Every structure is written in C-alpha cells, then in structure tokens.
Amino acid sequence: MLLSGTIVIDITQFISGSRCTQILADVDAEVIKVEPPKGDTLRLILN
C-alpha cells in the first residue's frame, strides 16, 4: 500500500485530527494514538 512502513504518532484530541489519522491508517500507515492520562477529550465529552 501507499504508506506501508510509515509510523504516525497521533496526539490530536478532536474529530478533525482523528479523522486525518484514520485516513492515514486506511492507506496502511501504522498509527500510534497518544492520549492524556484521563483519555481523549472527545471521548470524555461523549460519555
């Protein structure tokens, strides 16, 4: 695939950043999500 072997570190906390890294993962990049100790802000808002 296009980004095979590429590692992306995702430090975003809102929808637009997460969507961008999802697109990168869809083209075969390995995405590592880094969150604060209490979790992603969006996840806390939705719960």
C-alpha atoms as a PDB file:
ATOM      1  CA  MET A   1       0.000   0.000   0.000  1.00  0.00           C
ATOM      2  CA  LEU A   2       0.880   3.649  -0.227  1.00  0.00           C
ATOM      3  CA  LEU A   3       2.174   4.290   3.314  1.00  0.00           C
ATOM      4  CA  SER A   4       3.252   0.790   4.268  1.00  0.00           C
ATOM      5  CA  GLY A   5       6.071   1.011   6.822  1.00  0.00           C
ATOM      6  CA  THR A   6       5.209   4.585   7.842  1.00  0.00           C
ATOM      7  CA  ILE A   7       4.584   5.250  11.538  1.00  0.00           C
ATOM      8  CA  VAL A   8       2.315   8.161  12.514  1.00  0.00           C
ATOM      9  CA  ILE A   9       2.067   9.403  16.087  1.00  0.00           C
ATOM     10  CA  ASP A  10      -1.401  10.832  16.729  1.00  0.00           C
ATOM     11  CA  ILE A  11      -1.500  13.416  19.537  1.00  0.00           C
ATOM     12  CA  THR A  12      -4.740  15.037  18.370  1.00  0.00           C
ATOM     13  CA  GLN A  13      -7.762  15.399  20.642  1.00  0.00           C
ATOM     14  CA  PHE A  14     -10.681  16.327  18.427  1.00  0.00           C
ATOM     15  CA  ILE A  15     -12.601  14.974  15.449  1.00  0.00           C
ATOM     16  CA  SER A  16     -10.594  16.542  12.610  1.00  0.00           C
ATOM     17  CA  GLY A  17      -7.261  15.177  13.836  1.00  0.00           C
ATOM     18  CA  SER A  18      -8.652  11.723  14.498  1.00  0.00           C
ATOM     19  CA  ARG A  19     -10.244  11.684  11.055  1.00  0.00           C
ATOM     20  CA  CYS A  20      -6.931  12.604   9.408  1.00  0.00           C
ATOM     21  CA  THR A  21      -5.074   9.804  11.158  1.00  0.00           C
ATOM     22  CA  GLN A  22      -7.890   7.389  10.232  1.00  0.00           C
ATOM     23  CA  ILE A  23      -7.312   8.257   6.570  1.00  0.00           C
ATOM     24  CA  LEU A  24      -3.577   7.626   7.010  1.00  0.00           C
ATOM     25  CA  ALA A  25      -4.348   4.256   8.618  1.00  0.00           C
ATOM     26  CA  ASP A  26      -6.664   3.432   5.721  1.00  0.00           C
ATOM     27  CA  VAL A  27      -3.694   3.727   3.343  1.00  0.00           C
ATOM     28  CA  ASP A  28      -1.671   1.351   5.555  1.00  0.00           C
ATOM     29  CA  ALA A  29       0.244   3.685   7.892  1.00  0.00           C
ATOM     30  CA  GLU A  30       0.753   2.400  11.423  1.00  0.00           C
ATOM     31  CA  VAL A  31      -0.925   4.897  13.765  1.00  0.00           C
ATOM     32  CA  ILE A  32       0.031   5.180  17.426  1.00  0.00           C
ATOM     33  CA  LYS A  33      -2.531   7.149  19.426  1.00  0.00           C
ATOM     34  CA  VAL A  34      -1.135   9.063  22.418  1.00  0.00           C
ATOM     35  CA  GLU A  35      -3.693  10.278  24.947  1.00  0.00           C
ATOM     36  CA  PRO A  36      -3.566  12.163  28.250  1.00  0.00           C
ATOM     37  CA  PRO A  37      -3.890  10.006  31.401  1.00  0.00           C
ATOM     38  CA  LYS A  38      -7.650  10.685  31.624  1.00  0.00           C
ATOM     39  CA  GLY A  39      -8.213   9.750  27.969  1.00  0.00           C
ATOM     40  CA  ASP A  40      -9.052  11.624  24.790  1.00  0.00           C
ATOM     41  CA  THR A  41     -11.059  14.813  25.437  1.00  0.00           C
ATOM     42  CA  LEU A  42     -13.698  13.918  22.848  1.00  0.00           C
ATOM     43  CA  ARG A  43     -14.281  10.509  24.447  1.00  0.00           C
ATOM     44  CA  LEU A  44     -14.810  12.200  27.826  1.00  0.00           C
ATOM     45  CA  ILE A  45     -17.327  14.654  26.325  1.00  0.00           C
ATOM     46  CA  LEU A  46     -19.354  11.904  24.617  1.00  0.00           C
ATOM     47  CA  ASN A  47     -19.643   9.716  27.723  1.00  0.00           C
END
